[in-house]
Amino acid sequence: MNFNDLPLTIPNLEKVKKQYEDILQEIKEADTAEKVVSLIHKKDRIDVEVSSDVSIINIRYTIDTTNKEYKEANEKINQIIPVISSYSLPIVKEILAKPFRKEMEDKLGKFLFDKMENSLLAFDEKIIPNLIKDNELCSKHDEILGSSKIKYNGEIYTITQLGKFTNSPDRQVRKEVSKLIENFFKKNNEELGKVYDEMVKNRNDIALKMGFNNFMEYQYKSLGRVDYDFEDVRKYRDQIYRVVLPIYKKLIRKQSKLLDIKTLQFYDLNLDFKDGNPQPNGEIDELVEYAKKMYNQMSPDIGSFFEMMADSNLLSLKATPGKVPGGYMTTILKYKVPFIFANSNGTTADVDTLTHEVGHAFQYYNARNVGISDYTMPTLEACEIHSMSMEFLTYPYMDLFFNDMAEKYKYMHLKDAITILPYICLIDEFQENVYLNVNMSHEERCAKFRDLEKKWLPLKKYNGFPFYNKGTWWLKQGHVFNSPFYYIDYSLAQVVAFQFFEESLKNKDKTWKKYVRLCKMGGKYPFLTLLEKNHLRNPFIEGNVKKAIKPLLKILNSYNID
């Protein structure tokens, strides 16, 4: 199959409703575990059809938010997705009410039924209007960012395309471009603030309707976090603060020396070397060819997989007008393939994003036949292990992309992987404050963010940028708008990925087998059980963050970056 040939199909609500009603009746009449298990598979096949249609619409819309057909299709699915969830609700209730649950668990796994119970806590027909509104607000946010058209040196750029200038060796260029980006967010500040305020109040309403004290409690259930809670995350953040923040300060001060700049400003932080950061050898199409060589050298299984992705047009990597910023991997379950979305801009981020998203995609592809679609991918924090580990497992092949600058790339990537950890915790703590104080004004939220920035990123300076200095940087972080409380998953997964990296330096082949085994396991178990079954350290346990970080400092010092 070729992605370009796939039809744009909006799910038929009446048809889906009838299919679900028929299944519900059959489940009510079923008197054995075998019959119900068969009907669960039958429902799953319907879910796969619907999910695939939604994915195709979402992909096409995020590639081009200005396309009228895609925009209208996206608006329609924003309306119908929560309604379809309501059709599923009585089926889940009926399944869980059966007296032979243990027999069903023996056949399909306990976690599937735990997730069903969790879903009942996170969804009810009474919140459908709220969910529709949330979808619409997320689309509005995407449209604002996707519409960016910024003039620089006589050319028109999107925010993402401008990114390549933010690590220019010329400090004046970095400053000028950063000011243009700041101006874009300043211009849209009021509208983005209003969108977010509506999101926060609407989400809080969801939580209250579902019987929770606040949206944070609700969202932890919605994200399927069954084996840890926000108290565990708070303790984890404390580990990051105590262990990583001192290292962050040392690395930023080292960066200051490398750049020969006494007081780094925020627009200096994207540059690691005075003569310029490593640049990939060519445009994104050339990088894809290098990636083909790399993955074929790594292993035949991932080599053939990546060839299939490229040949089937399952990669959208170029930054283009109307495209939503950022990157993601999604699945088209009907065809059992993943799709990778990115915004190349000629920087090292092109390589980072490509390897990261391939990690996600390769995991899904390995688990695509696991038996039921709910098990093809794990919960989000576990998903990020595959992607972040892939970034490190490709280190031996970075000369394909960077030639003699590969050592500098690896130093920069590893340094960034460490120094981003406090920033992730900042975003997480900010969201906690927002949803525990839903009536804060936009200005108060920004002030709170700036206070937290001073706690988590004490060396970040905004001299000459008064808008950012008011605490508006969070407007740039799409996860705050579209994926509340997801961002901490990157930090949890990064700490686990460090273990894969450390082990790969000792035994590359053994580590690759361990990695593939984790991928194939999909989402059959919750996060902490997946770690246990694959002999990976639990980041919530006191001391494990230090164990993960300590070996990295020696590795950083080993790189020849002179």
Protein backbone atom coordinates (compact mmCIF):
# COMPACT_ATOMS: atom_id res chain seq x y z
CA MET A 1 0.00 0.00 0.00
CA ASN A 2 0.99 3.60 -0.61
CA PHE A 3 -0.15 6.33 1.75
CA ASN A 4 -0.84 8.71 -1.12
CA ASP A 5 -3.47 6.28 -2.46
CA LEU A 6 -5.42 5.92 0.79
CA PRO A 7 -8.93 7.39 0.72
CA LEU A 8 -10.04 10.19 2.99
CA THR A 9 -13.02 8.59 4.73
CA ILE A 10 -15.06 10.06 7.55
CA PRO A 11 -16.45 7.27 9.76
CA ASN A 12 -20.19 6.71 9.34
CA LEU A 13 -21.73 7.28 12.77
CA GLU A 14 -24.95 5.38 12.06
CA LYS A 15 -23.07 2.39 10.71
CA VAL A 16 -20.70 2.26 13.70
CA LYS A 17 -23.58 2.68 16.13
CA LYS A 18 -25.46 -0.26 14.57
CA GLN A 19 -22.33 -2.45 14.65
CA TYR A 20 -21.75 -1.66 18.31
CA GLU A 21 -25.40 -2.26 19.21
CA ASP A 22 -25.25 -5.69 17.55
CA ILE A 23 -22.08 -6.59 19.44
CA LEU A 24 -23.57 -5.37 22.72
CA GLN A 25 -26.57 -7.63 22.26
CA GLU A 26 -24.35 -10.61 21.42
CA ILE A 27 -22.24 -10.00 24.52
CA LYS A 28 -25.34 -9.83 26.69
CA GLU A 29 -26.38 -13.23 25.36
CA ALA A 30 -22.88 -14.79 25.55
CA ASP A 31 -22.57 -17.35 28.32
CA THR A 32 -18.92 -18.39 27.98
CA ALA A 33 -15.56 -16.66 28.12
CA GLU A 34 -14.76 -17.97 24.63
CA LYS A 35 -17.79 -16.24 23.12
CA VAL A 36 -17.05 -12.90 24.78
CA VAL A 37 -13.36 -13.05 23.79
CA SER A 38 -14.46 -13.66 20.19
CA LEU A 39 -16.75 -10.62 20.38
CA ILE A 40 -13.97 -8.48 21.88
CA HIS A 41 -11.92 -9.32 18.78
CA LYS A 42 -14.93 -8.49 16.59
CA LYS A 43 -15.29 -5.07 18.23
CA ASP A 44 -11.56 -4.54 17.87
CA ARG A 45 -11.83 -4.97 14.11
CA ILE A 46 -14.43 -2.18 14.00
CA ASP A 47 -12.24 0.01 16.19
CA VAL A 48 -9.32 -0.58 13.82
CA GLU A 49 -11.39 0.63 10.84
CA VAL A 50 -12.50 3.78 12.67
CA SER A 51 -9.04 4.50 14.07
CA SER A 52 -7.47 4.16 10.62
CA ASP A 53 -9.90 6.61 9.03
CA VAL A 54 -9.27 9.10 11.85
CA SER A 55 -5.48 8.71 11.55
CA ILE A 56 -5.49 9.40 7.82
CA ILE A 57 -7.57 12.55 8.34
CA ASN A 58 -5.34 13.72 11.19
CA ILE A 59 -2.16 13.12 9.20
CA ARG A 60 -3.40 15.01 6.16
CA TYR A 61 -4.73 17.91 8.22
CA THR A 62 -1.51 18.36 10.24
CA ILE A 63 0.52 18.27 7.01
CA ASP A 64 -1.61 21.09 5.58
CA THR A 65 -3.93 22.97 7.92
CA THR A 66 -4.82 25.36 5.06
CA ASN A 67 -6.44 22.62 2.94
CA LYS A 68 -10.21 23.14 3.05
CA GLU A 69 -11.09 19.45 2.57
CA TYR A 70 -8.72 18.30 5.31
CA LYS A 71 -9.86 21.04 7.66
CA GLU A 72 -13.53 20.15 7.22
CA ALA A 73 -12.78 16.44 7.69
CA ASN A 74 -10.79 17.22 10.85
CA GLU A 75 -13.66 19.33 12.21
CA LYS A 76 -16.05 16.44 11.64
CA ILE A 77 -13.91 13.86 13.42
CA ASN A 78 -13.49 16.29 16.33
CA GLN A 79 -17.27 16.04 16.67
CA ILE A 80 -17.74 12.32 16.20
CA ILE A 81 -14.82 10.71 18.09
CA PRO A 82 -16.34 11.32 21.55
CA VAL A 83 -19.71 10.10 20.26
CA ILE A 84 -18.18 6.83 19.06
CA SER A 85 -16.58 6.44 22.49
CA SER A 86 -20.06 6.68 23.98
CA TYR A 87 -21.20 3.79 21.77
CA SER A 88 -18.36 1.70 23.19
CA LEU A 89 -19.13 2.49 26.83
CA PRO A 90 -22.03 0.01 27.40
CA ILE A 91 -20.01 -2.74 25.71
CA VAL A 92 -17.14 -2.25 28.14
CA LYS A 93 -19.55 -2.24 31.09
CA GLU A 94 -21.17 -5.46 29.89
CA ILE A 95 -17.82 -7.19 29.43
CA LEU A 96 -16.66 -6.25 32.93
CA ALA A 97 -19.94 -7.45 34.42
CA LYS A 98 -19.46 -11.01 33.15
CA PRO A 99 -18.90 -13.59 35.92
CA PHE A 100 -16.03 -15.30 34.09
CA ARG A 101 -13.59 -12.38 33.94
CA LYS A 102 -10.68 -14.52 35.18
CA GLU A 103 -11.10 -16.88 32.23
CA MET A 104 -11.14 -13.93 29.83
CA GLU A 105 -8.02 -12.50 31.47
CA ASP A 106 -6.28 -15.85 30.99
CA LYS A 107 -6.95 -15.59 27.27
CA LEU A 108 -6.38 -11.86 26.66
CA GLY A 109 -4.25 -10.71 29.59
CA LYS A 110 -5.22 -8.92 32.79
CA PHE A 111 -3.99 -5.50 31.66
CA LEU A 112 -6.65 -5.22 28.94
CA PHE A 113 -9.38 -5.48 31.56
CA ASP A 114 -7.56 -3.14 33.94
CA LYS A 115 -7.52 -0.59 31.12
CA MET A 116 -11.24 -1.13 30.52
CA GLU A 117 -11.91 -0.37 34.18
CA ASN A 118 -9.72 2.70 33.91
CA SER A 119 -11.61 3.88 30.84
CA LEU A 120 -14.87 3.84 32.79
CA LEU A 121 -13.32 6.29 35.25
CA ALA A 122 -12.25 8.59 32.41
CA PHE A 123 -15.29 8.58 30.13
CA ASP A 124 -19.04 9.01 30.33
CA GLU A 125 -21.66 10.33 27.91
CA LYS A 126 -22.07 13.45 30.05
CA ILE A 127 -18.61 14.71 29.07
CA ILE A 128 -19.08 14.31 25.30
CA PRO A 129 -19.71 18.06 24.78
CA ASN A 130 -16.53 18.81 26.77
CA LEU A 131 -14.46 16.37 24.72
CA ILE A 132 -15.75 17.84 21.47
CA LYS A 133 -14.86 21.29 22.72
CA ASP A 134 -11.37 20.11 23.73
CA ASN A 135 -10.78 18.67 20.25
CA GLU A 136 -11.89 21.94 18.68
CA LEU A 137 -9.63 24.00 20.93
CA CYS A 138 -6.63 21.76 20.15
CA SER A 139 -7.30 22.22 16.43
CA LYS A 140 -7.56 25.97 16.93
CA HIS A 141 -4.15 25.98 18.63
CA ASP A 142 -2.66 23.94 15.76
CA GLU A 143 -4.17 26.30 13.22
CA ILE A 144 -2.65 29.36 14.90
CA LEU A 145 0.83 27.83 14.83
CA GLY A 146 0.39 26.24 11.41
CA SER A 147 -0.48 29.65 9.95
CA SER A 148 2.86 31.22 10.88
CA LYS A 149 4.40 33.24 8.04
CA ILE A 150 7.42 35.21 9.17
CA LYS A 151 9.50 37.39 6.85
CA TYR A 152 13.27 37.21 7.24
CA ASN A 153 15.88 38.41 4.75
CA GLY A 154 13.26 38.74 2.04
CA GLU A 155 11.95 35.19 2.46
CA ILE A 156 8.84 33.85 4.17
CA TYR A 157 9.33 31.14 6.79
CA THR A 158 7.23 29.13 9.21
CA ILE A 159 8.32 29.02 12.86
CA THR A 160 9.86 25.60 12.28
CA GLN A 161 11.75 26.70 9.17
CA LEU A 162 13.19 29.66 11.07
CA GLY A 163 14.62 27.20 13.57
CA LYS A 164 17.69 26.60 11.42
CA PHE A 165 18.82 30.17 12.10
CA THR A 166 18.55 29.87 15.89
CA ASN A 167 21.83 27.95 16.08
CA SER A 168 23.74 30.19 13.67
CA PRO A 169 27.37 30.85 14.68
CA ASP A 170 26.53 34.53 14.17
CA ARG A 171 25.13 35.74 17.48
CA GLN A 172 23.35 38.66 15.85
CA VAL A 173 21.47 36.30 13.55
CA ARG A 174 20.42 34.15 16.52
CA LYS A 175 19.17 37.23 18.31
CA GLU A 176 17.31 38.66 15.29
CA VAL A 177 15.52 35.42 14.50
CA SER A 178 14.66 34.82 18.14
CA LYS A 179 13.12 38.29 18.23
CA LEU A 180 10.99 37.48 15.16
CA ILE A 181 9.74 34.30 16.84
CA GLU A 182 9.08 36.18 20.08
CA ASN A 183 7.10 38.74 18.10
CA PHE A 184 4.97 35.99 16.57
CA PHE A 185 4.01 34.68 20.00
CA LYS A 186 3.56 38.22 21.31
CA LYS A 187 1.17 38.93 18.44
CA ASN A 188 -0.78 35.73 19.20
CA ASN A 189 -0.39 35.93 22.98
CA GLU A 190 -3.93 37.06 23.71
CA GLU A 191 -5.53 34.46 21.46
CA LEU A 192 -3.31 31.60 22.68
CA GLY A 193 -3.93 32.65 26.27
CA LYS A 194 -7.67 32.64 25.66
CA VAL A 195 -7.55 29.22 23.97
CA TYR A 196 -5.58 27.79 26.87
CA ASP A 197 -7.86 29.34 29.46
CA GLU A 198 -10.84 27.72 27.77
CA MET A 199 -8.97 24.42 27.67
CA VAL A 200 -8.14 24.54 31.38
CA LYS A 201 -11.66 25.40 32.50
CA ASN A 202 -13.23 22.86 30.13
CA ARG A 203 -10.86 20.13 31.30
CA ASN A 204 -11.51 20.99 34.92
CA ASP A 205 -15.23 20.63 34.19
CA ILE A 206 -14.56 17.17 32.74
CA ALA A 207 -12.76 16.12 35.91
CA LEU A 208 -15.50 17.40 38.21
CA LYS A 209 -18.23 15.72 36.15
CA MET A 210 -16.32 12.44 36.41
CA GLY A 211 -16.04 12.74 40.19
CA PHE A 212 -12.39 13.80 40.48
CA ASN A 213 -11.05 16.65 42.58
CA ASN A 214 -9.11 18.15 39.68
CA PHE A 215 -8.03 17.51 36.11
CA MET A 216 -4.61 16.21 37.13
CA GLU A 217 -6.21 13.28 38.95
CA TYR A 218 -8.51 12.66 36.00
CA GLN A 219 -5.78 12.85 33.37
CA TYR A 220 -3.58 10.30 35.14
CA LYS A 221 -6.46 7.84 34.76
CA SER A 222 -7.13 8.93 31.19
CA LEU A 223 -3.47 8.30 30.28
CA GLY A 224 -3.72 4.76 31.65
CA ARG A 225 -1.29 5.24 34.51
CA VAL A 226 -2.35 2.30 36.61
CA ASP A 227 0.88 1.56 38.46
CA TYR A 228 2.00 5.03 39.65
CA ASP A 229 0.42 8.37 40.51
CA PHE A 230 1.30 12.06 40.72
CA GLU A 231 2.86 11.60 44.16
CA ASP A 232 5.38 9.25 42.55
CA VAL A 233 6.02 11.83 39.84
CA ARG A 234 6.57 14.57 42.41
CA LYS A 235 9.21 12.43 44.15
CA TYR A 236 10.77 11.67 40.77
CA ARG A 237 10.95 15.38 39.95
CA ASP A 238 12.70 15.87 43.29
CA GLN A 239 15.35 13.33 42.23
CA ILE A 240 15.89 15.29 39.01
CA TYR A 241 16.21 18.53 40.97
CA ARG A 242 18.78 17.12 43.39
CA VAL A 243 20.80 15.00 40.94
CA VAL A 244 20.53 16.64 37.52
CA LEU A 245 20.26 20.36 38.26
CA PRO A 246 23.88 20.66 39.50
CA ILE A 247 25.01 18.81 36.35
CA TYR A 248 22.84 21.07 34.19
CA LYS A 249 24.61 24.10 35.69
CA LYS A 250 28.06 22.63 35.01
CA LEU A 251 27.20 21.79 31.42
CA ILE A 252 25.73 25.21 30.68
CA ARG A 253 28.84 26.85 32.17
CA LYS A 254 31.01 24.62 29.98
CA GLN A 255 28.93 25.69 26.99
CA SER A 256 29.57 29.30 27.96
CA LYS A 257 33.34 28.63 27.85
CA LEU A 258 33.14 26.79 24.53
CA LEU A 259 31.27 29.72 23.00
CA ASP A 260 33.45 32.30 24.76
CA ILE A 261 30.35 34.15 25.93
CA LYS A 262 30.46 35.30 29.53
CA THR A 263 26.68 35.39 30.13
CA LEU A 264 24.67 33.12 27.86
CA GLN A 265 21.26 34.33 26.77
CA PHE A 266 18.46 31.93 25.86
CA TYR A 267 19.21 32.46 22.16
CA ASP A 268 22.76 31.17 22.72
CA LEU A 269 21.66 27.84 24.16
CA ASN A 270 21.00 26.20 20.78
CA LEU A 271 24.66 26.68 19.81
CA ASP A 272 27.26 24.38 21.35
CA PHE A 273 30.40 25.21 19.38
CA LYS A 274 31.82 28.61 18.47
CA ASP A 275 32.41 27.64 14.84
CA GLY A 276 28.92 26.20 14.52
CA ASN A 277 27.03 23.05 15.39
CA PRO A 278 27.43 19.92 13.29
CA GLN A 279 25.21 20.16 10.23
CA PRO A 280 23.67 17.10 8.55
CA ASN A 281 25.17 16.21 5.18
CA GLY A 282 22.40 17.34 2.89
CA GLU A 283 18.67 17.91 2.74
CA ILE A 284 16.10 15.58 4.25
CA ASP A 285 15.84 13.37 1.15
CA GLU A 286 19.57 12.67 1.39
CA LEU A 287 19.26 12.00 5.12
CA VAL A 288 16.63 9.37 4.37
CA GLU A 289 19.12 7.63 2.08
CA TYR A 290 21.74 7.72 4.83
CA ALA A 291 19.14 6.33 7.23
CA LYS A 292 18.50 3.42 4.84
CA LYS A 293 22.20 2.57 4.91
CA MET A 294 22.35 2.96 8.69
CA TYR A 295 19.39 0.74 9.45
CA ASN A 296 20.50 -1.93 7.00
CA GLN A 297 23.86 -1.99 8.78
CA MET A 298 22.19 -2.14 12.21
CA SER A 299 19.99 -5.15 11.48
CA PRO A 300 18.15 -6.70 8.51
CA ASP A 301 14.81 -6.44 10.30
CA ILE A 302 14.93 -2.68 10.85
CA GLY A 303 16.62 -2.16 7.49
CA SER A 304 13.78 -3.75 5.53
CA PHE A 305 11.25 -1.98 7.75
CA PHE A 306 12.66 1.47 7.01
CA GLU A 307 12.87 0.72 3.29
CA MET A 308 9.15 -0.13 3.39
CA MET A 309 8.36 3.14 5.17
CA ALA A 310 10.19 5.20 2.56
CA ASP A 311 8.82 3.28 -0.42
CA SER A 312 5.22 3.50 0.85
CA ASN A 313 5.30 7.29 1.41
CA LEU A 314 4.86 6.81 5.15
CA LEU A 315 7.30 9.63 5.88
CA SER A 316 6.36 13.33 5.83
CA LEU A 317 9.54 15.03 6.95
CA LYS A 318 9.84 18.40 5.22
CA ALA A 319 8.73 21.64 6.87
CA THR A 320 6.18 23.25 4.56
CA PRO A 321 3.70 26.15 4.74
CA GLY A 322 0.55 25.26 6.66
CA LYS A 323 2.18 22.32 8.43
CA VAL A 324 1.72 21.97 12.18
CA PRO A 325 5.08 22.33 14.00
CA GLY A 326 6.68 19.36 15.73
CA GLY A 327 6.94 15.67 15.03
CA TYR A 328 5.00 12.52 15.80
CA MET A 329 4.46 8.90 14.89
CA THR A 330 0.98 7.56 14.47
CA THR A 331 -0.47 4.27 13.27
CA ILE A 332 -2.82 3.25 10.48
CA LEU A 333 -4.02 0.04 12.11
CA LYS A 334 -6.03 -1.26 9.16
CA TYR A 335 -2.87 -1.55 7.09
CA LYS A 336 -0.64 -2.41 10.06
CA VAL A 337 1.78 0.41 9.30
CA PRO A 338 3.08 3.45 11.18
CA PHE A 339 3.39 6.98 9.78
CA ILE A 340 6.13 9.48 10.67
CA PHE A 341 5.51 13.24 10.64
CA ALA A 342 8.31 15.80 11.10
CA ASN A 343 9.49 19.27 10.12
CA SER A 344 13.05 19.23 8.81
CA ASN A 345 14.90 22.54 8.96
CA GLY A 346 18.50 21.67 8.16
CA THR A 347 19.69 21.24 11.75
CA THR A 348 20.77 18.30 13.90
CA ALA A 349 17.14 18.11 15.00
CA ASP A 350 16.40 16.51 11.62
CA VAL A 351 18.49 13.50 12.61
CA ASP A 352 17.23 13.52 16.21
CA THR A 353 13.60 13.52 15.09
CA LEU A 354 14.09 10.91 12.41
CA THR A 355 15.77 8.40 14.73
CA HIS A 356 13.31 9.21 17.54
CA GLU A 357 10.19 8.64 15.44
CA VAL A 358 11.64 5.54 13.79
CA GLY A 359 12.01 4.12 17.31
CA HIS A 360 8.29 4.59 17.85
CA ALA A 361 7.44 3.22 14.42
CA PHE A 362 9.70 0.17 14.70
CA GLN A 363 8.17 -0.72 18.07
CA TYR A 364 4.65 -0.66 16.66
CA TYR A 365 5.68 -2.66 13.61
CA ASN A 366 7.21 -5.34 15.81
CA ALA A 367 4.03 -5.64 17.86
CA ARG A 368 1.50 -5.11 15.05
CA ASN A 369 0.41 -8.76 15.16
CA VAL A 370 0.25 -9.06 18.93
CA GLY A 371 -3.42 -10.02 18.70
CA ILE A 372 -5.49 -7.02 19.71
CA SER A 373 -4.92 -3.39 18.79
CA ASP A 374 -4.89 -2.18 22.42
CA TYR A 375 -1.72 -4.20 22.92
CA THR A 376 0.22 -3.02 19.87
CA MET A 377 1.62 -0.03 21.77
CA PRO A 378 2.14 0.55 25.50
CA THR A 379 1.21 3.58 27.56
CA LEU A 380 3.00 6.78 26.56
CA GLU A 381 5.92 6.79 29.00
CA ALA A 382 6.87 3.29 27.84
CA CYS A 383 6.47 4.30 24.18
CA GLU A 384 9.08 7.00 24.65
CA ILE A 385 11.64 4.41 25.78
CA HIS A 386 11.71 2.93 22.29
CA SER A 387 12.13 6.31 20.61
CA MET A 388 14.75 7.77 22.95
CA SER A 389 16.73 4.55 23.07
CA MET A 390 16.82 4.48 19.27
CA GLU A 391 18.47 7.90 19.30
CA PHE A 392 21.34 6.41 21.31
CA LEU A 393 21.53 3.04 19.55
CA THR A 394 22.23 4.85 16.26
CA TYR A 395 25.31 6.64 17.66
CA PRO A 396 27.82 4.26 15.96
CA TYR A 397 26.45 5.32 12.55
CA MET A 398 26.42 9.08 12.96
CA ASP A 399 29.40 9.53 10.66
CA LEU A 400 26.97 8.80 7.80
CA PHE A 401 25.12 12.00 8.67
CA PHE A 402 27.93 14.19 10.04
CA ASN A 403 31.27 12.87 8.68
CA ASP A 404 34.10 14.07 10.94
CA MET A 405 31.65 16.07 13.05
CA ALA A 406 30.04 12.92 14.43
CA GLU A 407 31.85 13.20 17.79
CA LYS A 408 30.59 16.73 18.24
CA TYR A 409 27.08 15.62 17.37
CA LYS A 410 27.17 12.84 19.97
CA TYR A 411 28.48 15.21 22.63
CA MET A 412 25.79 17.77 21.84
CA HIS A 413 22.99 15.20 21.72
CA LEU A 414 23.97 13.58 25.02
CA LYS A 415 24.45 16.94 26.71
CA ASP A 416 21.01 18.04 25.54
CA ALA A 417 19.47 14.73 26.67
CA ILE A 418 20.70 15.51 30.20
CA THR A 419 20.04 19.24 30.32
CA ILE A 420 16.47 18.92 29.03
CA LEU A 421 15.44 16.90 32.08
CA PRO A 422 14.96 19.95 34.35
CA TYR A 423 12.99 21.70 31.59
CA ILE A 424 10.62 18.73 31.33
CA CYS A 425 10.07 18.84 35.08
CA LEU A 426 9.44 22.58 34.83
CA ILE A 427 6.66 21.97 32.28
CA ASP A 428 5.18 19.22 34.44
CA GLU A 429 5.20 21.29 37.63
CA PHE A 430 3.76 24.26 35.72
CA GLN A 431 0.84 22.15 34.51
CA GLU A 432 0.26 20.87 38.03
CA ASN A 433 0.01 24.46 39.27
CA VAL A 434 -2.32 25.41 36.43
CA TYR A 435 -4.81 22.61 37.02
CA LEU A 436 -4.77 22.96 40.79
CA ASN A 437 -5.49 26.70 40.38
CA VAL A 438 -7.83 26.82 37.40
CA ASN A 439 -8.99 30.39 37.95
CA MET A 440 -5.56 31.96 37.48
CA SER A 441 -5.49 34.61 34.78
CA HIS A 442 -3.20 34.30 31.77
CA GLU A 443 -0.85 36.84 33.34
CA GLU A 444 -0.78 34.89 36.61
CA ARG A 445 0.01 31.67 34.76
CA CYS A 446 2.90 33.37 32.99
CA ALA A 447 4.21 34.77 36.27
CA LYS A 448 4.04 31.30 37.83
CA PHE A 449 5.92 29.85 34.85
CA ARG A 450 8.66 32.46 35.21
CA ASP A 451 9.03 31.64 38.91
CA LEU A 452 9.37 27.96 38.07
CA GLU A 453 11.85 28.75 35.30
CA LYS A 454 14.08 30.42 37.87
CA LYS A 455 13.85 27.28 40.00
CA TRP A 456 14.47 24.70 37.25
CA LEU A 457 16.55 26.71 34.73
CA PRO A 458 18.35 29.29 36.87
CA LEU A 459 20.89 30.11 34.13
CA LYS A 460 18.33 30.93 31.43
CA LYS A 461 18.42 34.66 30.65
CA TYR A 462 16.05 36.80 28.55
CA ASN A 463 17.92 40.13 28.39
CA GLY A 464 16.33 42.29 25.70
CA PHE A 465 13.29 40.02 25.38
CA PRO A 466 10.70 41.48 27.78
CA PHE A 467 7.85 39.32 26.47
CA TYR A 468 9.65 36.06 27.26
CA ASN A 469 10.87 37.55 30.53
CA LYS A 470 7.24 37.76 31.65
CA GLY A 471 7.06 33.95 31.58
CA THR A 472 5.53 33.29 28.16
CA TRP A 473 7.98 30.66 26.94
CA TRP A 474 5.44 27.92 27.65
CA LEU A 475 3.34 29.20 24.74
CA LYS A 476 5.93 27.53 22.50
CA GLN A 477 5.42 24.10 24.10
CA GLY A 478 2.64 22.37 22.19
CA HIS A 479 2.29 19.56 24.74
CA VAL A 480 0.96 22.06 27.29
CA PHE A 481 -1.99 22.72 25.00
CA ASN A 482 -2.64 19.42 23.24
CA SER A 483 -1.25 16.71 25.55
CA PRO A 484 -1.61 17.72 29.21
CA PHE A 485 0.67 15.86 31.64
CA TYR A 486 2.26 13.85 28.79
CA TYR A 487 5.55 15.75 28.78
CA ILE A 488 6.96 14.12 31.94
CA ASP A 489 6.88 10.82 30.03
CA TYR A 490 9.89 12.00 28.01
CA SER A 491 11.89 12.42 31.19
CA LEU A 492 10.90 9.05 32.66
CA ALA A 493 11.72 7.33 29.38
CA GLN A 494 15.00 9.21 28.97
CA VAL A 495 16.28 7.88 32.28
CA VAL A 496 15.45 4.35 31.10
CA ALA A 497 16.95 4.99 27.65
CA PHE A 498 20.22 5.99 29.31
CA GLN A 499 20.44 2.40 30.54
CA PHE A 500 20.06 1.04 27.01
CA PHE A 501 22.80 3.45 25.92
CA GLU A 502 25.19 2.41 28.66
CA GLU A 503 24.59 -1.30 27.96
CA SER A 504 25.04 -0.83 24.19
CA LEU A 505 28.57 0.47 24.75
CA LYS A 506 29.43 -2.79 26.49
CA ASN A 507 27.63 -5.24 24.21
CA LYS A 508 25.89 -3.82 21.14
CA ASP A 509 24.36 -7.07 19.85
CA LYS A 510 23.00 -8.16 23.23
CA THR A 511 21.48 -4.72 23.82
CA TRP A 512 19.83 -4.72 20.38
CA LYS A 513 18.17 -8.06 21.14
CA LYS A 514 16.97 -6.68 24.47
CA TYR A 515 15.59 -3.61 22.71
CA VAL A 516 13.72 -5.66 20.09
CA ARG A 517 12.30 -7.88 22.83
CA LEU A 518 10.89 -4.79 24.55
CA CYS A 519 9.44 -3.58 21.23
CA LYS A 520 7.72 -6.91 20.55
CA MET A 521 6.13 -6.91 23.98
CA GLY A 522 4.05 -3.91 22.87
CA GLY A 523 1.53 -2.83 25.47
CA LYS A 524 0.66 -6.15 27.05
CA TYR A 525 1.80 -4.86 30.44
CA PRO A 526 1.79 -1.51 32.29
CA PHE A 527 4.91 0.64 32.46
CA LEU A 528 6.57 -0.69 35.60
CA THR A 529 5.88 -4.32 34.68
CA LEU A 530 7.46 -3.78 31.25
CA LEU A 531 10.57 -2.43 32.99
CA GLU A 532 10.69 -5.38 35.38
CA LYS A 533 10.26 -7.99 32.64
CA ASN A 534 13.07 -6.41 30.62
CA HIS A 535 15.45 -5.88 33.55
CA LEU A 536 15.29 -2.09 33.36
CA ARG A 537 15.54 0.15 36.41
CA ASN A 538 12.42 1.82 37.80
CA PRO A 539 13.02 5.62 37.68
CA PHE A 540 10.69 6.21 40.62
CA ILE A 541 12.94 4.32 43.02
CA GLU A 542 15.19 6.66 44.96
CA GLY A 543 18.76 6.50 43.66
CA ASN A 544 17.95 5.19 40.18
CA VAL A 545 18.18 8.61 38.54
CA LYS A 546 21.70 8.96 39.92
CA LYS A 547 22.60 5.47 38.65
CA ALA A 548 21.38 6.43 35.19
CA ILE A 549 23.16 9.79 35.01
CA LYS A 550 26.52 9.05 36.63
CA PRO A 551 28.03 6.93 33.79
CA LEU A 552 27.06 9.56 31.21
CA LEU A 553 29.44 12.17 32.56
CA LYS A 554 32.43 9.95 31.82
CA ILE A 555 31.09 9.32 28.32
CA LEU A 556 30.64 13.05 27.72
CA ASN A 557 34.21 13.73 28.75
CA SER A 558 35.47 11.03 26.38
CA TYR A 559 34.25 12.82 23.25
CA ASN A 560 36.82 14.73 21.24
CA ILE A 561 35.14 18.10 20.73
CA ASP A 562 38.16 20.36 20.31
